[in-house]
Amino acid sequence: MRTAPPVTATLLVLAALALVSDVAAAQAYPSRPIRMIVPWPPGGGTDGAGRILAQALTENLGTQVIVDNRGGASGRIGTELAAKAPADGYTLVMATVAPNAILPAAGARLAYDTVKDFAPVSLVATSDYVLVVHPSLPAKSVKELIALARSRPGQVNFGSAGNGSMAQLAAELFKLLARVDMVHVPYKGGGPAVTATVAGEVSVYFGSGPGVVPFTTSGRLRALATTGKKRSKTFTGLPTVGETLPGHEAVQWFAVLAPAGTPKDVISKLNAAIIKVVGTLKVAQQLAAVGADADVSTPEELAAHIRAEIAKWRKVVKGGNLSFD
């Protein structure tokens, strides 16, 4: 048998060493702090869920998972930053409906492709949005809000976490189904939007559970309904918007994505860690306390979910003739 030429033999040795190095790196992961980008300002629903997960992963993985808030442009800024990060497992992003489904569905000019530029890791939680109003607004039910908005066309305003945010789309779907004219006032994230609603700058807001729970509990906001298909286990006693407006359903989801190309072994380790910590009673209760329901997945299930969400919201965007550029 002929022996390989020296150059070929050297290449084979180097390839073998590289493979061993990759396997060792995956086994050693994580060996330094992990950055979790939250593409929204502090105080909103994504920030709340992100911090709960980051703390739980810190304890599980034995290394610090640091939340890095990069809000702005309905989640585009932080999401773009994550897409361009090294694919080594040390930069993750808390994905949500707006930057990862609604904006792509609207054909917005984005510096990332939700499907191609990210490696799905796991779903973390879902949260019905909650239709809340400022206590000064004389509406104590969805039916009364519709009647009020119809009697005051163009005079009732609603806040959102930004153009293209889930908060806006939930309200836009409400407007279409109820045939009402309400004025959209965008803010730079869920935290500022909730603050503005509490202050009375806007009268209506579709907020994520984690963001509005503290204010509905204290009575500074009045909750009228939730936006899920079924009545929420978290917001007991509240009807769904769909009970008055059939067809209205808007559910926020929180998921972890990594830059495309992240090693599969790293993705698998992260997926297993997320499933384990979210499955604990402690984390489930923490999520429930801020209005979210623990809900995990495989990477493949998350990929399919994101594709389905893009298709769903594309219909709403077209129906409302909306543009977010």
C-alpha atoms as a PDB file:
ATOM      1  CA  MET A   1       0.000   0.000   0.000  1.00  0.00           C
ATOM      2  CA  ARG A   2       1.364   3.412  -0.920  1.00  0.00           C
ATOM      3  CA  THR A   3       1.965   5.864   1.859  1.00  0.00           C
ATOM      4  CA  ALA A   4       0.363   9.302   1.610  1.00  0.00           C
ATOM      5  CA  PRO A   5       2.562  12.134   0.433  1.00  0.00           C
ATOM      6  CA  PRO A   6       3.941  14.210   3.324  1.00  0.00           C
ATOM      7  CA  VAL A   7       1.655  17.193   2.594  1.00  0.00           C
ATOM      8  CA  THR A   8      -1.465  15.017   2.484  1.00  0.00           C
ATOM      9  CA  ALA A   9      -0.478  13.273   5.670  1.00  0.00           C
ATOM     10  CA  THR A  10       0.049  16.604   7.384  1.00  0.00           C
ATOM     11  CA  LEU A  11      -3.376  17.819   6.306  1.00  0.00           C
ATOM     12  CA  LEU A  12      -5.011  14.668   7.626  1.00  0.00           C
ATOM     13  CA  VAL A  13      -3.283  15.107  10.965  1.00  0.00           C
ATOM     14  CA  LEU A  14      -4.343  18.752  11.171  1.00  0.00           C
ATOM     15  CA  ALA A  15      -7.934  17.848  10.281  1.00  0.00           C
ATOM     16  CA  ALA A  16      -7.981  15.198  12.986  1.00  0.00           C
ATOM     17  CA  LEU A  17      -6.576  17.618  15.539  1.00  0.00           C
ATOM     18  CA  ALA A  18      -9.182  20.225  14.563  1.00  0.00           C
ATOM     19  CA  LEU A  19     -11.959  17.668  15.019  1.00  0.00           C
ATOM     20  CA  VAL A  20     -10.650  16.702  18.437  1.00  0.00           C
ATOM     21  CA  SER A  21     -10.362  20.382  19.336  1.00  0.00           C
ATOM     22  CA  ASP A  22     -13.968  21.049  18.273  1.00  0.00           C
ATOM     23  CA  VAL A  23     -15.252  18.107  20.315  1.00  0.00           C
ATOM     24  CA  ALA A  24     -13.230  19.217  23.347  1.00  0.00           C
ATOM     25  CA  ALA A  25     -14.520  22.778  22.985  1.00  0.00           C
ATOM     26  CA  ALA A  26     -18.113  21.556  22.847  1.00  0.00           C
ATOM     27  CA  GLN A  27     -17.567  19.390  25.921  1.00  0.00           C
ATOM     28  CA  ALA A  28     -15.969  22.304  27.778  1.00  0.00           C
ATOM     29  CA  TYR A  29     -18.748  24.730  26.813  1.00  0.00           C
ATOM     30  CA  PRO A  30     -19.383  27.093  28.446  1.00  0.00           C
ATOM     31  CA  SER A  31     -15.989  28.207  29.679  1.00  0.00           C
ATOM     32  CA  ARG A  32     -16.739  31.922  29.980  1.00  0.00           C
ATOM     33  CA  PRO A  33     -19.752  34.232  30.474  1.00  0.00           C
ATOM     34  CA  ILE A  34     -22.588  34.101  27.945  1.00  0.00           C
ATOM     35  CA  ARG A  35     -24.231  37.273  26.676  1.00  0.00           C
ATOM     36  CA  MET A  36     -28.003  37.132  26.223  1.00  0.00           C
ATOM     37  CA  ILE A  37     -29.160  40.049  24.113  1.00  0.00           C
ATOM     38  CA  VAL A  38     -32.654  41.306  24.956  1.00  0.00           C
ATOM     39  CA  PRO A  39     -33.620  43.525  22.013  1.00  0.00           C
ATOM     40  CA  TRP A  40     -35.929  45.664  24.129  1.00  0.00           C
ATOM     41  CA  PRO A  41     -35.382  48.214  26.931  1.00  0.00           C
ATOM     42  CA  PRO A  42     -35.493  47.175  30.610  1.00  0.00           C
ATOM     43  CA  GLY A  43     -38.907  46.908  32.196  1.00  0.00           C
ATOM     44  CA  GLY A  44     -40.858  45.202  29.422  1.00  0.00           C
ATOM     45  CA  GLY A  45     -42.112  41.643  29.121  1.00  0.00           C
ATOM     46  CA  THR A  46     -39.125  40.328  27.157  1.00  0.00           C
ATOM     47  CA  ASP A  47     -36.725  41.807  29.694  1.00  0.00           C
ATOM     48  CA  GLY A  48     -38.617  40.177  32.560  1.00  0.00           C
ATOM     49  CA  ALA A  49     -38.667  36.729  30.975  1.00  0.00           C
ATOM     50  CA  GLY A  50     -35.059  37.112  29.828  1.00  0.00           C
ATOM     51  CA  ARG A  51     -33.769  37.892  33.300  1.00  0.00           C
ATOM     52  CA  ILE A  52     -35.596  34.939  34.826  1.00  0.00           C
ATOM     53  CA  LEU A  53     -34.066  32.612  32.244  1.00  0.00           C
ATOM     54  CA  ALA A  54     -30.597  34.158  32.509  1.00  0.00           C
ATOM     55  CA  GLN A  55     -30.486  33.617  36.276  1.00  0.00           C
ATOM     56  CA  ALA A  56     -31.686  30.026  35.956  1.00  0.00           C
ATOM     57  CA  LEU A  57     -29.131  29.230  33.232  1.00  0.00           C
ATOM     58  CA  THR A  58     -26.371  30.835  35.271  1.00  0.00           C
ATOM     59  CA  GLU A  59     -27.084  28.362  38.055  1.00  0.00           C
ATOM     60  CA  ASN A  60     -27.459  25.398  35.686  1.00  0.00           C
ATOM     61  CA  LEU A  61     -24.473  26.000  33.404  1.00  0.00           C
ATOM     62  CA  GLY A  62     -22.099  27.174  36.100  1.00  0.00           C
ATOM     63  CA  THR A  63     -21.173  30.345  34.256  1.00  0.00           C
ATOM     64  CA  GLN A  64     -22.735  33.795  34.273  1.00  0.00           C
ATOM     65  CA  VAL A  65     -25.394  34.551  31.686  1.00  0.00           C
ATOM     66  CA  ILE A  66     -25.468  38.330  31.330  1.00  0.00           C
ATOM     67  CA  VAL A  67     -28.516  40.195  30.024  1.00  0.00           C
ATOM     68  CA  ASP A  68     -27.575  42.882  27.510  1.00  0.00           C
ATOM     69  CA  ASN A  69     -30.497  45.213  26.720  1.00  0.00           C
ATOM     70  CA  ARG A  70     -30.221  46.592  23.184  1.00  0.00           C
ATOM     71  CA  GLY A  71     -33.621  48.169  22.577  1.00  0.00           C
ATOM     72  CA  GLY A  72     -34.861  50.167  19.635  1.00  0.00           C
ATOM     73  CA  ALA A  73     -36.596  49.865  16.255  1.00  0.00           C
ATOM     74  CA  SER A  74     -39.084  47.228  17.458  1.00  0.00           C
ATOM     75  CA  GLY A  75     -36.330  44.808  18.334  1.00  0.00           C
ATOM     76  CA  ARG A  76     -34.356  45.200  15.097  1.00  0.00           C
ATOM     77  CA  ILE A  77     -31.205  46.679  16.643  1.00  0.00           C
ATOM     78  CA  GLY A  78     -30.551  43.942  19.180  1.00  0.00           C
ATOM     79  CA  THR A  79     -31.636  41.187  16.791  1.00  0.00           C
ATOM     80  CA  GLU A  80     -29.269  42.444  14.090  1.00  0.00           C
ATOM     81  CA  LEU A  81     -26.443  42.591  16.633  1.00  0.00           C
ATOM     82  CA  ALA A  82     -27.070  38.963  17.568  1.00  0.00           C
ATOM     83  CA  ALA A  83     -27.200  37.845  13.937  1.00  0.00           C
ATOM     84  CA  LYS A  84     -23.725  39.288  13.329  1.00  0.00           C
ATOM     85  CA  ALA A  85     -22.170  37.896  16.516  1.00  0.00           C
ATOM     86  CA  PRO A  86     -19.649  35.030  16.434  1.00  0.00           C
ATOM     87  CA  ALA A  87     -21.373  31.659  16.130  1.00  0.00           C
ATOM     88  CA  ASP A  88     -19.695  30.195  19.204  1.00  0.00           C
ATOM     89  CA  GLY A  89     -22.556  29.908  21.674  1.00  0.00           C
ATOM     90  CA  TYR A  90     -21.466  32.904  23.735  1.00  0.00           C
ATOM     91  CA  THR A  91     -24.032  35.291  22.256  1.00  0.00           C
ATOM     92  CA  LEU A  92     -27.737  34.444  22.382  1.00  0.00           C
ATOM     93  CA  VAL A  93     -30.848  36.514  21.787  1.00  0.00           C
ATOM     94  CA  MET A  94     -34.307  36.451  23.351  1.00  0.00           C
ATOM     95  CA  ALA A  95     -36.456  36.304  20.244  1.00  0.00           C
ATOM     96  CA  THR A  96     -40.019  37.564  20.165  1.00  0.00           C
ATOM     97  CA  VAL A  97     -42.815  37.940  17.640  1.00  0.00           C
ATOM     98  CA  ALA A  98     -42.043  41.471  16.434  1.00  0.00           C
ATOM     99  CA  PRO A  99     -38.467  41.266  15.139  1.00  0.00           C
ATOM    100  CA  ASN A 100     -38.615  37.583  14.266  1.00  0.00           C
ATOM    101  CA  ALA A 101     -42.053  37.205  12.664  1.00  0.00           C
ATOM    102  CA  ILE A 102     -44.002  40.449  12.202  1.00  0.00           C
ATOM    103  CA  LEU A 103     -41.262  42.547  10.614  1.00  0.00           C
ATOM    104  CA  PRO A 104     -40.238  39.744   8.241  1.00  0.00           C
ATOM    105  CA  ALA A 105     -43.934  39.204   7.410  1.00  0.00           C
ATOM    106  CA  ALA A 106     -44.257  42.880   6.516  1.00  0.00           C
ATOM    107  CA  GLY A 107     -41.288  42.757   4.185  1.00  0.00           C
ATOM    108  CA  ALA A 108     -39.454  45.330   6.280  1.00  0.00           C
ATOM    109  CA  ARG A 109     -35.907  46.197   5.266  1.00  0.00           C
ATOM    110  CA  LEU A 110     -33.895  44.167   7.746  1.00  0.00           C
ATOM    111  CA  ALA A 111     -30.172  43.545   8.056  1.00  0.00           C
ATOM    112  CA  TYR A 112     -30.890  39.936   9.030  1.00  0.00           C
ATOM    113  CA  ASP A 113     -32.971  37.000   7.844  1.00  0.00           C
ATOM    114  CA  THR A 114     -34.902  35.412  10.694  1.00  0.00           C
ATOM    115  CA  VAL A 115     -34.803  31.960   9.131  1.00  0.00           C
ATOM    116  CA  LYS A 116     -31.325  31.932   7.571  1.00  0.00           C
ATOM    117  CA  ASP A 117     -29.273  33.949  10.065  1.00  0.00           C
ATOM    118  CA  PHE A 118     -30.273  32.187  13.277  1.00  0.00           C
ATOM    119  CA  ALA A 119     -30.075  28.727  14.784  1.00  0.00           C
ATOM    120  CA  PRO A 120     -33.190  28.009  16.879  1.00  0.00           C
ATOM    121  CA  VAL A 121     -32.435  26.780  20.396  1.00  0.00           C
ATOM    122  CA  SER A 122     -35.718  26.520  22.291  1.00  0.00           C
ATOM    123  CA  LEU A 123     -39.012  28.150  23.039  1.00  0.00           C
ATOM    124  CA  VAL A 124     -39.047  29.434  26.617  1.00  0.00           C
ATOM    125  CA  ALA A 125     -42.520  30.754  27.374  1.00  0.00           C
ATOM    126  CA  THR A 126     -45.698  32.108  25.878  1.00  0.00           C
ATOM    127  CA  SER A 127     -47.835  34.918  27.142  1.00  0.00           C
ATOM    128  CA  ASP A 128     -51.253  36.105  26.212  1.00  0.00           C
ATOM    129  CA  TYR A 129     -51.328  39.814  25.665  1.00  0.00           C
ATOM    130  CA  VAL A 130     -53.582  41.731  27.994  1.00  0.00           C
ATOM    131  CA  LEU A 131     -55.867  44.500  26.818  1.00  0.00           C
ATOM    132  CA  VAL A 132     -55.526  47.217  29.442  1.00  0.00           C
ATOM    133  CA  VAL A 133     -56.876  50.748  29.674  1.00  0.00           C
ATOM    134  CA  HIS A 134     -56.117  53.728  31.850  1.00  0.00           C
ATOM    135  CA  PRO A 135     -58.584  53.821  34.783  1.00  0.00           C
ATOM    136  CA  SER A 136     -59.896  57.187  33.591  1.00  0.00           C
ATOM    137  CA  LEU A 137     -61.289  55.614  30.410  1.00  0.00           C
ATOM    138  CA  PRO A 138     -64.999  54.827  30.917  1.00  0.00           C
ATOM    139  CA  ALA A 139     -64.808  51.288  29.531  1.00  0.00           C
ATOM    140  CA  LYS A 140     -64.940  48.205  31.719  1.00  0.00           C
ATOM    141  CA  SER A 141     -65.298  45.544  29.032  1.00  0.00           C
ATOM    142  CA  VAL A 142     -64.299  44.893  25.429  1.00  0.00           C
ATOM    143  CA  LYS A 143     -67.855  45.638  24.342  1.00  0.00           C
ATOM    144  CA  GLU A 144     -67.807  49.004  26.125  1.00  0.00           C
ATOM    145  CA  LEU A 145     -64.404  49.866  24.631  1.00  0.00           C
ATOM    146  CA  ILE A 146     -65.674  49.158  21.124  1.00  0.00           C
ATOM    147  CA  ALA A 147     -68.757  51.300  21.716  1.00  0.00           C
ATOM    148  CA  LEU A 148     -66.622  54.122  23.103  1.00  0.00           C
ATOM    149  CA  ALA A 149     -64.164  53.996  20.194  1.00  0.00           C
ATOM    150  CA  ARG A 150     -67.013  54.029  17.681  1.00  0.00           C
ATOM    151  CA  SER A 151     -68.547  57.053  19.355  1.00  0.00           C
ATOM    152  CA  ARG A 152     -65.202  58.881  19.294  1.00  0.00           C
ATOM    153  CA  PRO A 153     -63.543  58.021  15.964  1.00  0.00           C
ATOM    154  CA  GLY A 154     -59.907  59.094  15.917  1.00  0.00           C
ATOM    155  CA  GLN A 155     -60.001  60.311  19.511  1.00  0.00           C
ATOM    156  CA  VAL A 156     -59.014  57.167  21.414  1.00  0.00           C
ATOM    157  CA  ASN A 157     -55.292  56.457  21.215  1.00  0.00           C
ATOM    158  CA  PHE A 158     -53.367  53.269  21.886  1.00  0.00           C
ATOM    159  CA  GLY A 159     -49.728  52.799  22.743  1.00  0.00           C
ATOM    160  CA  SER A 160     -47.328  50.172  21.489  1.00  0.00           C
ATOM    161  CA  ALA A 161     -43.764  49.006  21.990  1.00  0.00           C
ATOM    162  CA  GLY A 162     -42.902  50.422  18.565  1.00  0.00           C
ATOM    163  CA  ASN A 163     -43.857  50.191  14.911  1.00  0.00           C
ATOM    164  CA  GLY A 164     -44.272  46.538  14.031  1.00  0.00           C
ATOM    165  CA  SER A 165     -44.386  45.385  17.630  1.00  0.00           C
ATOM    166  CA  MET A 166     -46.786  42.702  18.783  1.00  0.00           C
ATOM    167  CA  ALA A 167     -48.547  45.335  20.856  1.00  0.00           C
ATOM    168  CA  GLN A 168     -49.347  47.289  17.695  1.00  0.00           C
ATOM    169  CA  LEU A 169     -50.411  44.224  15.688  1.00  0.00           C
ATOM    170  CA  ALA A 170     -52.766  43.068  18.436  1.00  0.00           C
ATOM    171  CA  ALA A 171     -54.382  46.518  18.376  1.00  0.00           C
ATOM    172  CA  GLU A 172     -54.445  46.652  14.568  1.00  0.00           C
ATOM    173  CA  LEU A 173     -56.240  43.303  14.485  1.00  0.00           C
ATOM    174  CA  PHE A 174     -58.658  44.670  17.089  1.00  0.00           C
ATOM    175  CA  LYS A 175     -59.327  47.727  14.908  1.00  0.00           C
ATOM    176  CA  LEU A 176     -59.978  45.601  11.824  1.00  0.00           C
ATOM    177  CA  LEU A 177     -62.379  43.237  13.530  1.00  0.00           C
ATOM    178  CA  ALA A 178     -64.179  45.910  15.578  1.00  0.00           C
ATOM    179  CA  ARG A 179     -64.245  48.422  12.705  1.00  0.00           C
ATOM    180  CA  VAL A 180     -63.022  51.271  14.878  1.00  0.00           C
ATOM    181  CA  ASP A 181     -60.602  54.142  14.296  1.00  0.00           C
ATOM    182  CA  MET A 182     -57.992  54.489  17.029  1.00  0.00           C
ATOM    183  CA  VAL A 183     -54.717  56.418  16.828  1.00  0.00           C
ATOM    184  CA  HIS A 184     -51.413  54.572  17.175  1.00  0.00           C
ATOM    185  CA  VAL A 185     -48.712  56.093  19.408  1.00  0.00           C
ATOM    186  CA  PRO A 186     -45.450  54.069  19.224  1.00  0.00           C
ATOM    187  CA  TYR A 187     -42.869  54.022  22.006  1.00  0.00           C
ATOM    188  CA  LYS A 188     -39.350  52.620  22.180  1.00  0.00           C
ATOM    189  CA  GLY A 189     -40.183  49.375  23.910  1.00  0.00           C
ATOM    190  CA  GLY A 190     -42.755  47.782  26.184  1.00  0.00           C
ATOM    191  CA  GLY A 191     -41.417  49.448  29.333  1.00  0.00           C
ATOM    192  CA  PRO A 192     -41.899  53.010  28.028  1.00  0.00           C
ATOM    193  CA  ALA A 193     -45.299  52.057  26.560  1.00  0.00           C
ATOM    194  CA  VAL A 194     -46.559  50.705  29.880  1.00  0.00           C
ATOM    195  CA  THR A 195     -45.253  53.786  31.682  1.00  0.00           C
ATOM    196  CA  ALA A 196     -47.045  56.041  29.200  1.00  0.00           C
ATOM    197  CA  THR A 197     -50.324  54.164  29.672  1.00  0.00           C
ATOM    198  CA  VAL A 198     -50.042  54.350  33.465  1.00  0.00           C
ATOM    199  CA  ALA A 199     -49.385  58.097  33.144  1.00  0.00           C
ATOM    200  CA  GLY A 200     -52.450  58.551  30.924  1.00  0.00           C
ATOM    201  CA  GLU A 201     -50.526  59.642  27.830  1.00  0.00           C
ATOM    202  CA  VAL A 202     -52.395  56.916  25.947  1.00  0.00           C
ATOM    203  CA  SER A 203     -55.662  55.272  26.904  1.00  0.00           C
ATOM    204  CA  VAL A 204     -55.353  51.747  25.527  1.00  0.00           C
ATOM    205  CA  TYR A 205     -52.515  49.248  25.413  1.00  0.00           C
ATOM    206  CA  PHE A 206     -52.134  45.602  24.474  1.00  0.00           C
ATOM    207  CA  GLY A 207     -49.289  44.622  26.774  1.00  0.00           C
ATOM    208  CA  SER A 208     -47.412  41.393  27.380  1.00  0.00           C
ATOM    209  CA  GLY A 209     -48.259  39.748  30.665  1.00  0.00           C
ATOM    210  CA  PRO A 210     -44.846  40.216  32.290  1.00  0.00           C
ATOM    211  CA  GLY A 211     -44.966  43.941  31.535  1.00  0.00           C
ATOM    212  CA  VAL A 212     -48.461  44.806  32.773  1.00  0.00           C
ATOM    213  CA  VAL A 213     -49.049  42.452  35.708  1.00  0.00           C
ATOM    214  CA  PRO A 214     -47.572  44.785  38.367  1.00  0.00           C
ATOM    215  CA  PHE A 215     -49.843  47.624  37.245  1.00  0.00           C
ATOM    216  CA  THR A 216     -53.057  45.634  36.909  1.00  0.00           C
ATOM    217  CA  THR A 217     -52.406  44.174  40.357  1.00  0.00           C
ATOM    218  CA  SER A 218     -51.935  47.634  41.876  1.00  0.00           C
ATOM    219  CA  GLY A 219     -54.980  49.048  40.074  1.00  0.00           C
ATOM    220  CA  ARG A 220     -53.003  51.597  38.069  1.00  0.00           C
ATOM    221  CA  LEU A 221     -54.264  49.922  34.898  1.00  0.00           C
ATOM    222  CA  ARG A 222     -57.589  48.192  34.265  1.00  0.00           C
ATOM    223  CA  ALA A 223     -57.430  44.815  32.514  1.00  0.00           C
ATOM    224  CA  LEU A 224     -60.341  44.079  30.174  1.00  0.00           C
ATOM    225  CA  ALA A 225     -59.396  40.836  28.440  1.00  0.00           C
ATOM    226  CA  THR A 226     -56.594  38.556  27.299  1.00  0.00           C
ATOM    227  CA  THR A 227     -55.694  37.785  23.706  1.00  0.00           C
ATOM    228  CA  GLY A 228     -55.254  34.012  23.707  1.00  0.00           C
ATOM    229  CA  LYS A 229     -57.483  31.440  22.068  1.00  0.00           C
ATOM    230  CA  LYS A 230     -58.617  30.250  25.487  1.00  0.00           C
ATOM    231  CA  ARG A 231     -59.004  31.985  28.815  1.00  0.00           C
ATOM    232  CA  SER A 232     -55.672  32.413  30.560  1.00  0.00           C
ATOM    233  CA  LYS A 233     -54.748  30.355  33.604  1.00  0.00           C
ATOM    234  CA  THR A 234     -52.608  33.258  34.771  1.00  0.00           C
ATOM    235  CA  PHE A 235     -55.246  35.979  34.386  1.00  0.00           C
ATOM    236  CA  THR A 236     -58.115  34.098  35.945  1.00  0.00           C
ATOM    237  CA  GLY A 237     -61.507  35.690  35.578  1.00  0.00           C
ATOM    238  CA  LEU A 238     -60.674  37.674  32.454  1.00  0.00           C
ATOM    239  CA  PRO A 239     -62.502  36.867  29.213  1.00  0.00           C
ATOM    240  CA  THR A 240     -60.668  36.707  25.906  1.00  0.00           C
ATOM    241  CA  VAL A 241     -60.999  39.456  23.326  1.00  0.00           C
ATOM    242  CA  GLY A 242     -62.125  36.715  20.927  1.00  0.00           C
ATOM    243  CA  GLU A 243     -65.250  36.090  22.987  1.00  0.00           C
ATOM    244  CA  THR A 244     -66.463  39.503  21.817  1.00  0.00           C
ATOM    245  CA  LEU A 245     -64.501  39.702  18.554  1.00  0.00           C
ATOM    246  CA  PRO A 246     -64.288  36.197  17.047  1.00  0.00           C
ATOM    247  CA  GLY A 247     -60.975  35.689  15.283  1.00  0.00           C
ATOM    248  CA  HIS A 248     -58.906  37.908  17.533  1.00  0.00           C
ATOM    249  CA  GLU A 249     -55.881  36.018  18.849  1.00  0.00           C
ATOM    250  CA  ALA A 250     -52.426  37.431  19.578  1.00  0.00           C
ATOM    251  CA  VAL A 251     -49.954  35.483  21.689  1.00  0.00           C
ATOM    252  CA  GLN A 252     -46.455  36.656  22.566  1.00  0.00           C
ATOM    253  CA  TRP A 253     -43.692  34.090  22.674  1.00  0.00           C
ATOM    254  CA  PHE A 254     -40.198  34.192  24.046  1.00  0.00           C
ATOM    255  CA  ALA A 255     -37.518  31.977  22.525  1.00  0.00           C
ATOM    256  CA  VAL A 256     -33.746  31.665  22.458  1.00  0.00           C
ATOM    257  CA  LEU A 257     -31.864  31.870  19.171  1.00  0.00           C
ATOM    258  CA  ALA A 258     -28.148  31.690  18.446  1.00  0.00           C
ATOM    259  CA  PRO A 259     -26.283  32.964  15.385  1.00  0.00           C
ATOM    260  CA  ALA A 260     -26.466  30.579  12.415  1.00  0.00           C
ATOM    261  CA  GLY A 261     -23.516  28.227  12.336  1.00  0.00           C
ATOM    262  CA  THR A 262     -23.345  27.724  16.089  1.00  0.00           C
ATOM    263  CA  PRO A 263     -22.093  24.139  16.642  1.00  0.00           C
ATOM    264  CA  LYS A 264     -24.894  21.602  16.971  1.00  0.00           C
ATOM    265  CA  ASP A 265     -23.375  20.201  20.160  1.00  0.00           C
ATOM    266  CA  VAL A 266     -23.579  23.653  21.737  1.00  0.00           C
ATOM    267  CA  ILE A 267     -27.180  24.089  20.566  1.00  0.00           C
ATOM    268  CA  SER A 268     -28.051  20.693  22.046  1.00  0.00           C
ATOM    269  CA  LYS A 269     -26.443  21.577  25.385  1.00  0.00           C
ATOM    270  CA  LEU A 270     -28.271  24.897  25.550  1.00  0.00           C
ATOM    271  CA  ASN A 271     -31.563  23.278  24.563  1.00  0.00           C
ATOM    272  CA  ALA A 272     -31.210  20.649  27.279  1.00  0.00           C
ATOM    273  CA  ALA A 273     -30.345  23.309  29.867  1.00  0.00           C
ATOM    274  CA  ILE A 274     -33.330  25.485  28.943  1.00  0.00           C
ATOM    275  CA  ILE A 275     -35.733  22.548  29.003  1.00  0.00           C
ATOM    276  CA  LYS A 276     -34.402  21.519  32.407  1.00  0.00           C
ATOM    277  CA  VAL A 277     -34.570  24.927  34.109  1.00  0.00           C
ATOM    278  CA  VAL A 278     -37.889  26.000  32.586  1.00  0.00           C
ATOM    279  CA  GLY A 279     -39.321  22.664  33.682  1.00  0.00           C
ATOM    280  CA  THR A 280     -38.575  23.371  37.325  1.00  0.00           C
ATOM    281  CA  LEU A 281     -41.345  24.523  39.606  1.00  0.00           C
ATOM    282  CA  LYS A 282     -39.260  27.542  40.649  1.00  0.00           C
ATOM    283  CA  VAL A 283     -38.854  28.979  37.147  1.00  0.00           C
ATOM    284  CA  ALA A 284     -42.405  28.079  36.126  1.00  0.00           C
ATOM    285  CA  GLN A 285     -43.705  30.000  39.146  1.00  0.00           C
ATOM    286  CA  GLN A 286     -41.423  32.960  38.409  1.00  0.00           C
ATOM    287  CA  LEU A 287     -42.706  33.113  34.837  1.00  0.00           C
ATOM    288  CA  ALA A 288     -46.305  32.760  35.993  1.00  0.00           C
ATOM    289  CA  ALA A 289     -45.787  35.624  38.446  1.00  0.00           C
ATOM    290  CA  VAL A 290     -45.035  37.917  35.523  1.00  0.00           C
ATOM    291  CA  GLY A 291     -47.845  36.594  33.333  1.00  0.00           C
ATOM    292  CA  ALA A 292     -46.034  34.015  31.198  1.00  0.00           C
ATOM    293  CA  ASP A 293     -46.526  30.270  30.828  1.00  0.00           C
ATOM    294  CA  ALA A 294     -43.491  27.987  30.606  1.00  0.00           C
ATOM    295  CA  ASP A 295     -43.389  26.398  27.153  1.00  0.00           C
ATOM    296  CA  VAL A 296     -40.273  24.731  25.729  1.00  0.00           C
ATOM    297  CA  SER A 297     -39.480  23.027  22.432  1.00  0.00           C
ATOM    298  CA  THR A 298     -36.873  21.297  20.339  1.00  0.00           C
ATOM    299  CA  PRO A 299     -34.872  23.441  17.894  1.00  0.00           C
ATOM    300  CA  GLU A 300     -36.827  21.883  15.023  1.00  0.00           C
ATOM    301  CA  GLU A 301     -40.184  22.670  16.626  1.00  0.00           C
ATOM    302  CA  LEU A 302     -39.121  26.275  17.191  1.00  0.00           C
ATOM    303  CA  ALA A 303     -38.046  26.633  13.555  1.00  0.00           C
ATOM    304  CA  ALA A 304     -41.460  25.412  12.378  1.00  0.00           C
ATOM    305  CA  HIS A 305     -43.224  27.713  14.844  1.00  0.00           C
ATOM    306  CA  ILE A 306     -41.392  30.789  13.562  1.00  0.00           C
ATOM    307  CA  ARG A 307     -42.236  29.963   9.939  1.00  0.00           C
ATOM    308  CA  ALA A 308     -45.907  29.547  10.866  1.00  0.00           C
ATOM    309  CA  GLU A 309     -45.956  32.866  12.741  1.00  0.00           C
ATOM    310  CA  ILE A 310     -44.489  34.716   9.751  1.00  0.00           C
ATOM    311  CA  ALA A 311     -47.254  33.320   7.536  1.00  0.00           C
ATOM    312  CA  LYS A 312     -49.961  34.240  10.059  1.00  0.00           C
ATOM    313  CA  TRP A 313     -48.940  37.857  10.577  1.00  0.00           C
ATOM    314  CA  ARG A 314     -48.364  38.426   6.873  1.00  0.00           C
ATOM    315  CA  LYS A 315     -52.145  38.168   6.439  1.00  0.00           C
ATOM    316  CA  VAL A 316     -52.788  40.773   9.161  1.00  0.00           C
ATOM    317  CA  VAL A 317     -50.209  43.172   7.724  1.00  0.00           C
ATOM    318  CA  LYS A 318     -51.792  42.954   4.289  1.00  0.00           C
ATOM    319  CA  GLY A 319     -55.311  43.298   5.706  1.00  0.00           C
ATOM    320  CA  GLY A 320     -54.402  46.485   7.545  1.00  0.00           C
ATOM    321  CA  ASN A 321     -52.225  47.821   4.720  1.00  0.00           C
ATOM    322  CA  LEU A 322     -49.416  48.334   7.220  1.00  0.00           C
ATOM    323  CA  SER A 323     -45.816  49.328   6.598  1.00  0.00           C
ATOM    324  CA  PHE A 324     -43.023  49.495   9.158  1.00  0.00           C
ATOM    325  CA  ASP A 325     -40.135  51.032   7.170  1.00  0.00           C
END
